[in-house]
């Protein structure tokens, strides 16, 4: 009976990260994170002049890079 009113409610409440948040997590310079976004390596949406990155998108990036490092 505690089902969300809208099925996509959890996705709407998912926290988004800024470039600065992502750069802290990845231990990269914010300009590097922006470059990765422009190159399509990290998925993000543009909000005005800024980017927003969903947590899951950052996890996807980390998993993709982890598997590429393991394959070398």
PDB file of N, CA and C in Angstrom:
ATOM      1  N   UNK A   1       0.808  -1.191   0.000  1.00  0.00           N
ATOM      2  CA  UNK A   1       0.000   0.000   0.000  1.00  0.00           C
ATOM      3  C   UNK A   1       0.859   1.267   0.000  1.00  0.00           C
ATOM      4  N   UNK A   2       2.163   1.127   0.190  1.00  0.00           N
ATOM      5  CA  UNK A   2       3.069   2.259   0.154  1.00  0.00           C
ATOM      6  C   UNK A   2       3.657   2.488  -1.225  1.00  0.00           C
ATOM      7  N   UNK A   3       2.952   2.094  -2.255  1.00  0.00           N
ATOM      8  CA  UNK A   3       3.432   2.280  -3.613  1.00  0.00           C
ATOM      9  C   UNK A   3       3.421   3.770  -3.945  1.00  0.00           C
ATOM     10  N   UNK A   4       4.415   4.220  -4.725  1.00  0.00           N
ATOM     11  CA  UNK A   4       4.416   5.638  -5.097  1.00  0.00           C
ATOM     12  C   UNK A   4       3.208   5.996  -5.943  1.00  0.00           C
ATOM     13  N   UNK A   5       2.783   7.234  -5.829  1.00  0.00           N
ATOM     14  CA  UNK A   5       1.633   7.705  -6.591  1.00  0.00           C
ATOM     15  C   UNK A   5       1.896   7.609  -8.086  1.00  0.00           C
ATOM     16  N   UNK A   6       3.119   7.958  -8.485  1.00  0.00           N
ATOM     17  CA  UNK A   6       3.525   7.855  -9.889  1.00  0.00           C
ATOM     18  C   UNK A   6       4.645   6.841  -9.985  1.00  0.00           C
ATOM     19  N   UNK A   7       4.624   5.954 -10.976  1.00  0.00           N
ATOM     20  CA  UNK A   7       5.669   4.933 -11.082  1.00  0.00           C
ATOM     21  C   UNK A   7       7.065   5.516 -11.245  1.00  0.00           C
ATOM     22  N   UNK A   8       7.191   6.664 -11.890  1.00  0.00           N
ATOM     23  CA  UNK A   8       8.503   7.249 -12.115  1.00  0.00           C
ATOM     24  C   UNK A   8       8.927   8.159 -10.973  1.00  0.00           C
ATOM     25  N   UNK A   9       8.206   8.152  -9.865  1.00  0.00           N
ATOM     26  CA  UNK A   9       8.491   9.063  -8.755  1.00  0.00           C
ATOM     27  C   UNK A   9       9.913   8.903  -8.230  1.00  0.00           C
ATOM     28  N   UNK A  10      10.397   7.675  -8.112  1.00  0.00           N
ATOM     29  CA  UNK A  10      11.748   7.453  -7.616  1.00  0.00           C
ATOM     30  C   UNK A  10      12.781   8.076  -8.549  1.00  0.00           C
ATOM     31  N   UNK A  11      12.566   7.977  -9.847  1.00  0.00           N
ATOM     32  CA  UNK A  11      13.499   8.558 -10.810  1.00  0.00           C
ATOM     33  C   UNK A  11      13.488  10.077 -10.714  1.00  0.00           C
ATOM     34  N   UNK A  12      12.321  10.647 -10.444  1.00  0.00           N
ATOM     35  CA  UNK A  12      12.244  12.100 -10.338  1.00  0.00           C
ATOM     36  C   UNK A  12      12.942  12.614  -9.093  1.00  0.00           C
ATOM     37  N   UNK A  13      12.977  11.823  -8.049  1.00  0.00           N
ATOM     38  CA  UNK A  13      13.605  12.236  -6.797  1.00  0.00           C
ATOM     39  C   UNK A  13      15.081  11.881  -6.737  1.00  0.00           C
ATOM     40  N   UNK A  14      15.589  11.221  -7.765  1.00  0.00           N
ATOM     41  CA  UNK A  14      16.984  10.820  -7.769  1.00  0.00           C
ATOM     42  C   UNK A  14      17.864  12.068  -7.742  1.00  0.00           C
ATOM     43  N   UNK A  15      18.846  12.055  -6.887  1.00  0.00           N
ATOM     44  CA  UNK A  15      19.727  13.211  -6.745  1.00  0.00           C
ATOM     45  C   UNK A  15      20.640  13.342  -7.951  1.00  0.00           C
ATOM     46  N   UNK A  16      20.801  14.559  -8.404  1.00  0.00           N
ATOM     47  CA  UNK A  16      21.727  14.815  -9.496  1.00  0.00           C
ATOM     48  C   UNK A  16      22.990  15.442  -8.925  1.00  0.00           C
ATOM     49  N   UNK A  17      24.067  15.283  -9.656  1.00  0.00           N
ATOM     50  CA  UNK A  17      25.362  15.792  -9.235  1.00  0.00           C
ATOM     51  C   UNK A  17      25.792  16.926 -10.149  1.00  0.00           C
ATOM     52  N   UNK A  18      26.535  17.853  -9.601  1.00  0.00           N
ATOM     53  CA  UNK A  18      27.138  18.901 -10.416  1.00  0.00           C
ATOM     54  C   UNK A  18      28.484  18.399 -10.922  1.00  0.00           C
ATOM     55  N   UNK A  19      29.093  19.173 -11.797  1.00  0.00           N
ATOM     56  CA  UNK A  19      30.425  18.834 -12.294  1.00  0.00           C
ATOM     57  C   UNK A  19      31.410  18.819 -11.120  1.00  0.00           C
ATOM     58  N   UNK A  20      31.274  19.756 -10.203  1.00  0.00           N
ATOM     59  CA  UNK A  20      32.168  19.786  -9.037  1.00  0.00           C
ATOM     60  C   UNK A  20      31.990  18.546  -8.164  1.00  0.00           C
ATOM     61  N   UNK A  21      30.734  18.114  -7.973  1.00  0.00           N
ATOM     62  CA  UNK A  21      30.480  16.889  -7.203  1.00  0.00           C
ATOM     63  C   UNK A  21      31.154  15.695  -7.874  1.00  0.00           C
ATOM     64  N   UNK A  22      30.939  15.575  -9.178  1.00  0.00           N
ATOM     65  CA  UNK A  22      31.503  14.443  -9.922  1.00  0.00           C
ATOM     66  C   UNK A  22      33.028  14.491  -9.914  1.00  0.00           C
ATOM     67  N   UNK A  23      33.607  15.680 -10.035  1.00  0.00           N
ATOM     68  CA  UNK A  23      35.070  15.782 -10.043  1.00  0.00           C
ATOM     69  C   UNK A  23      35.644  15.371  -8.694  1.00  0.00           C
ATOM     70  N   UNK A  24      34.943  15.677  -7.607  1.00  0.00           N
ATOM     71  CA  UNK A  24      35.397  15.246  -6.283  1.00  0.00           C
ATOM     72  C   UNK A  24      35.355  13.734  -6.157  1.00  0.00           C
ATOM     73  N   UNK A  25      34.278  13.140  -6.631  1.00  0.00           N
ATOM     74  CA  UNK A  25      34.116  11.685  -6.550  1.00  0.00           C
ATOM     75  C   UNK A  25      35.165  10.979  -7.398  1.00  0.00           C
ATOM     76  N   UNK A  26      35.398  11.507  -8.606  1.00  0.00           N
ATOM     77  CA  UNK A  26      36.321  10.869  -9.538  1.00  0.00           C
ATOM     78  C   UNK A  26      37.780  11.267  -9.310  1.00  0.00           C
ATOM     79  N   UNK A  27      37.991  12.260  -8.447  1.00  0.00           N
ATOM     80  CA  UNK A  27      39.330  12.776  -8.183  1.00  0.00           C
ATOM     81  C   UNK A  27      39.957  13.309  -9.486  1.00  0.00           C
ATOM     82  N   UNK A  28      39.141  14.063 -10.232  1.00  0.00           N
ATOM     83  CA  UNK A  28      39.570  14.680 -11.482  1.00  0.00           C
ATOM     84  C   UNK A  28      39.316  16.182 -11.403  1.00  0.00           C
ATOM     85  N   UNK A  29      39.963  16.926 -12.263  1.00  0.00           N
ATOM     86  CA  UNK A  29      39.711  18.357 -12.360  1.00  0.00           C
ATOM     87  C   UNK A  29      38.339  18.572 -13.006  1.00  0.00           C
ATOM     88  N   UNK A  30      37.600  19.591 -12.584  1.00  0.00           N
ATOM     89  CA  UNK A  30      36.281  19.836 -13.192  1.00  0.00           C
ATOM     90  C   UNK A  30      36.334  20.020 -14.711  1.00  0.00           C
ATOM     91  N   UNK A  31      37.408  20.606 -15.230  1.00  0.00           N
ATOM     92  CA  UNK A  31      37.523  20.767 -16.682  1.00  0.00           C
ATOM     93  C   UNK A  31      37.628  19.403 -17.368  1.00  0.00           C
ATOM     94  N   UNK A  32      38.265  18.439 -16.713  1.00  0.00           N
ATOM     95  CA  UNK A  32      38.358  17.092 -17.272  1.00  0.00           C
ATOM     96  C   UNK A  32      36.978  16.446 -17.319  1.00  0.00           C
ATOM     97  N   UNK A  33      36.191  16.635 -16.266  1.00  0.00           N
ATOM     98  CA  UNK A  33      34.828  16.091 -16.239  1.00  0.00           C
ATOM     99  C   UNK A  33      34.005  16.719 -17.365  1.00  0.00           C
ATOM    100  N   UNK A  34      34.134  18.029 -17.576  1.00  0.00           N
ATOM    101  CA  UNK A  34      33.413  18.700 -18.663  1.00  0.00           C
ATOM    102  C   UNK A  34      33.849  18.156 -20.015  1.00  0.00           C
ATOM    103  N   UNK A  35      35.129  17.897 -20.164  1.00  0.00           N
ATOM    104  CA  UNK A  35      35.626  17.336 -21.427  1.00  0.00           C
ATOM    105  C   UNK A  35      35.044  15.948 -21.655  1.00  0.00           C
ATOM    106  N   UNK A  36      35.018  15.127 -20.595  1.00  0.00           N
ATOM    107  CA  UNK A  36      34.426  13.794 -20.714  1.00  0.00           C
ATOM    108  C   UNK A  36      32.949  13.884 -21.101  1.00  0.00           C
ATOM    109  N   UNK A  37      32.245  14.875 -20.569  1.00  0.00           N
ATOM    110  CA  UNK A  37      30.835  15.057 -20.920  1.00  0.00           C
ATOM    111  C   UNK A  37      30.715  15.429 -22.397  1.00  0.00           C
ATOM    112  N   UNK A  38      31.525  16.378 -22.854  1.00  0.00           N
ATOM    113  CA  UNK A  38      31.479  16.786 -24.265  1.00  0.00           C
ATOM    114  C   UNK A  38      31.840  15.641 -25.195  1.00  0.00           C
ATOM    115  N   UNK A  39      32.771  14.784 -24.761  1.00  0.00           N
ATOM    116  CA  UNK A  39      33.189  13.645 -25.573  1.00  0.00           C
ATOM    117  C   UNK A  39      32.187  12.486 -25.511  1.00  0.00           C
ATOM    118  N   UNK A  40      31.206  12.574 -24.614  1.00  0.00           N
ATOM    119  CA  UNK A  40      30.197  11.528 -24.488  1.00  0.00           C
ATOM    120  C   UNK A  40      30.608  10.400 -23.565  1.00  0.00           C
ATOM    121  N   UNK A  41      31.698  10.546 -22.852  1.00  0.00           N
ATOM    122  CA  UNK A  41      32.140   9.499 -21.927  1.00  0.00           C
ATOM    123  C   UNK A  41      31.289   9.477 -20.662  1.00  0.00           C
ATOM    124  N   UNK A  42      30.868  10.654 -20.222  1.00  0.00           N
ATOM    125  CA  UNK A  42      29.970  10.776 -19.066  1.00  0.00           C
ATOM    126  C   UNK A  42      28.679  11.390 -19.578  1.00  0.00           C
ATOM    127  N   UNK A  43      27.576  10.751 -19.260  1.00  0.00           N
ATOM    128  CA  UNK A  43      26.266  11.248 -19.680  1.00  0.00           C
ATOM    129  C   UNK A  43      25.838  12.373 -18.740  1.00  0.00           C
ATOM    130  N   UNK A  44      25.279  13.432 -19.297  1.00  0.00           N
ATOM    131  CA  UNK A  44      24.822  14.567 -18.505  1.00  0.00           C
ATOM    132  C   UNK A  44      23.770  15.339 -19.289  1.00  0.00           C
ATOM    133  N   UNK A  45      23.027  16.171 -18.574  1.00  0.00           N
ATOM    134  CA  UNK A  45      22.075  17.078 -19.217  1.00  0.00           C
ATOM    135  C   UNK A  45      22.495  18.500 -18.895  1.00  0.00           C
ATOM    136  N   UNK A  46      22.160  19.375 -19.790  1.00  0.00           N
ATOM    137  CA  UNK A  46      22.527  20.775 -19.639  1.00  0.00           C
ATOM    138  C   UNK A  46      21.379  21.509 -18.955  1.00  0.00           C
ATOM    139  N   UNK A  47      21.682  22.244 -17.901  1.00  0.00           N
ATOM    140  CA  UNK A  47      20.711  23.095 -17.202  1.00  0.00           C
ATOM    141  C   UNK A  47      21.248  24.518 -17.270  1.00  0.00           C
ATOM    142  N   UNK A  48      20.785  25.268 -18.232  1.00  0.00           N
ATOM    143  CA  UNK A  48      21.330  26.609 -18.426  1.00  0.00           C
ATOM    144  C   UNK A  48      22.770  26.503 -18.884  1.00  0.00           C
ATOM    145  N   UNK A  49      23.682  27.039 -18.082  1.00  0.00           N
ATOM    146  CA  UNK A  49      25.104  26.983 -18.419  1.00  0.00           C
ATOM    147  C   UNK A  49      25.815  25.829 -17.723  1.00  0.00           C
ATOM    148  N   UNK A  50      25.090  25.067 -16.935  1.00  0.00           N
ATOM    149  CA  UNK A  50      25.692  24.007 -16.133  1.00  0.00           C
ATOM    150  C   UNK A  50      25.243  22.627 -16.589  1.00  0.00           C
ATOM    151  N   UNK A  51      25.994  21.630 -16.182  1.00  0.00           N
ATOM    152  CA  UNK A  51      25.635  20.233 -16.439  1.00  0.00           C
ATOM    153  C   UNK A  51      25.117  19.609 -15.146  1.00  0.00           C
ATOM    154  N   UNK A  52      24.218  18.652 -15.297  1.00  0.00           N
ATOM    155  CA  UNK A  52      23.758  17.831 -14.181  1.00  0.00           C
ATOM    156  C   UNK A  52      23.951  16.378 -14.574  1.00  0.00           C
ATOM    157  N   UNK A  53      24.469  15.600 -13.632  1.00  0.00           N
ATOM    158  CA  UNK A  53      24.781  14.195 -13.871  1.00  0.00           C
ATOM    159  C   UNK A  53      24.018  13.365 -12.850  1.00  0.00           C
ATOM    160  N   UNK A  54      23.245  12.408 -13.314  1.00  0.00           N
ATOM    161  CA  UNK A  54      22.563  11.500 -12.376  1.00  0.00           C
ATOM    162  C   UNK A  54      23.590  10.554 -11.771  1.00  0.00           C
ATOM    163  N   UNK A  55      23.344  10.171 -10.541  1.00  0.00           N
ATOM    164  CA  UNK A  55      24.260   9.232  -9.864  1.00  0.00           C
ATOM    165  C   UNK A  55      24.464   7.967 -10.690  1.00  0.00           C
ATOM    166  N   UNK A  56      23.387   7.435 -11.247  1.00  0.00           N
ATOM    167  CA  UNK A  56      23.480   6.195 -12.019  1.00  0.00           C
ATOM    168  C   UNK A  56      24.366   6.373 -13.238  1.00  0.00           C
ATOM    169  N   UNK A  57      24.319   7.552 -13.863  1.00  0.00           N
ATOM    170  CA  UNK A  57      25.168   7.804 -15.019  1.00  0.00           C
ATOM    171  C   UNK A  57      26.639   7.808 -14.622  1.00  0.00           C
ATOM    172  N   UNK A  58      26.938   8.331 -13.445  1.00  0.00           N
ATOM    173  CA  UNK A  58      28.318   8.320 -12.975  1.00  0.00           C
ATOM    174  C   UNK A  58      28.755   6.894 -12.637  1.00  0.00           C
ATOM    175  N   UNK A  59      27.856   6.115 -12.060  1.00  0.00           N
ATOM    176  CA  UNK A  59      28.154   4.706 -11.776  1.00  0.00           C
ATOM    177  C   UNK A  59      28.404   3.958 -13.083  1.00  0.00           C
ATOM    178  N   UNK A  60      27.595   4.235 -14.095  1.00  0.00           N
ATOM    179  CA  UNK A  60      27.793   3.605 -15.408  1.00  0.00           C
ATOM    180  C   UNK A  60      29.171   3.939 -15.968  1.00  0.00           C
ATOM    181  N   UNK A  61      29.589   5.191 -15.847  1.00  0.00           N
ATOM    182  CA  UNK A  61      30.903   5.611 -16.313  1.00  0.00           C
ATOM    183  C   UNK A  61      32.000   4.856 -15.565  1.00  0.00           C
ATOM    184  N   UNK A  62      31.869   4.758 -14.250  1.00  0.00           N
ATOM    185  CA  UNK A  62      32.878   4.074 -13.448  1.00  0.00           C
ATOM    186  C   UNK A  62      32.957   2.593 -13.815  1.00  0.00           C
ATOM    187  N   UNK A  63      31.808   1.952 -13.997  1.00  0.00           N
ATOM    188  CA  UNK A  63      31.795   0.530 -14.359  1.00  0.00           C
ATOM    189  C   UNK A  63      32.406   0.308 -15.737  1.00  0.00           C
ATOM    190  N   UNK A  64      32.106   1.187 -16.679  1.00  0.00           N
ATOM    191  CA  UNK A  64      32.661   1.049 -18.028  1.00  0.00           C
ATOM    192  C   UNK A  64      34.175   1.197 -18.006  1.00  0.00           C
ATOM    193  N   UNK A  65      34.675   2.127 -17.217  1.00  0.00           N
ATOM    194  CA  UNK A  65      36.119   2.334 -17.147  1.00  0.00           C
ATOM    195  C   UNK A  65      36.808   1.243 -16.354  1.00  0.00           C
ATOM    196  N   UNK A  66      36.142   0.714 -15.363  1.00  0.00           N
ATOM    197  CA  UNK A  66      36.725  -0.377 -14.587  1.00  0.00           C
ATOM    198  C   UNK A  66      36.902  -1.607 -15.466  1.00  0.00           C
ATOM    199  N   UNK A  67      35.897  -1.908 -16.289  1.00  0.00           N
ATOM    200  CA  UNK A  67      35.993  -3.091 -17.151  1.00  0.00           C
ATOM    201  C   UNK A  67      37.030  -2.876 -18.243  1.00  0.00           C
ATOM    202  N   UNK A  68      37.192  -1.647 -18.744  1.00  0.00           N
ATOM    203  CA  UNK A  68      38.207  -1.408 -19.780  1.00  0.00           C
ATOM    204  C   UNK A  68      39.607  -1.509 -19.195  1.00  0.00           C
ATOM    205  N   UNK A  69      39.790  -1.149 -17.939  1.00  0.00           N
ATOM    206  CA  UNK A  69      41.100  -1.276 -17.284  1.00  0.00           C
ATOM    207  C   UNK A  69      41.401  -2.748 -17.029  1.00  0.00           C
ATOM    208  N   UNK A  70      40.387  -3.514 -16.649  1.00  0.00           N
ATOM    209  CA  UNK A  70      40.595  -4.947 -16.387  1.00  0.00           C
ATOM    210  C   UNK A  70      40.945  -5.699 -17.659  1.00  0.00           C
ATOM    211  N   UNK A  71      40.466  -5.247 -18.817  1.00  0.00           N
ATOM    212  CA  UNK A  71      40.714  -5.934 -20.075  1.00  0.00           C
ATOM    213  C   UNK A  71      42.137  -5.673 -20.612  1.00  0.00           C
ATOM    214  N   UNK A  72      42.822  -4.688 -20.071  1.00  0.00           N
ATOM    215  CA  UNK A  72      44.172  -4.380 -20.572  1.00  0.00           C
ATOM    216  C   UNK A  72      45.209  -5.280 -19.976  1.00  0.00           C
TER     217      UNK A  72
END
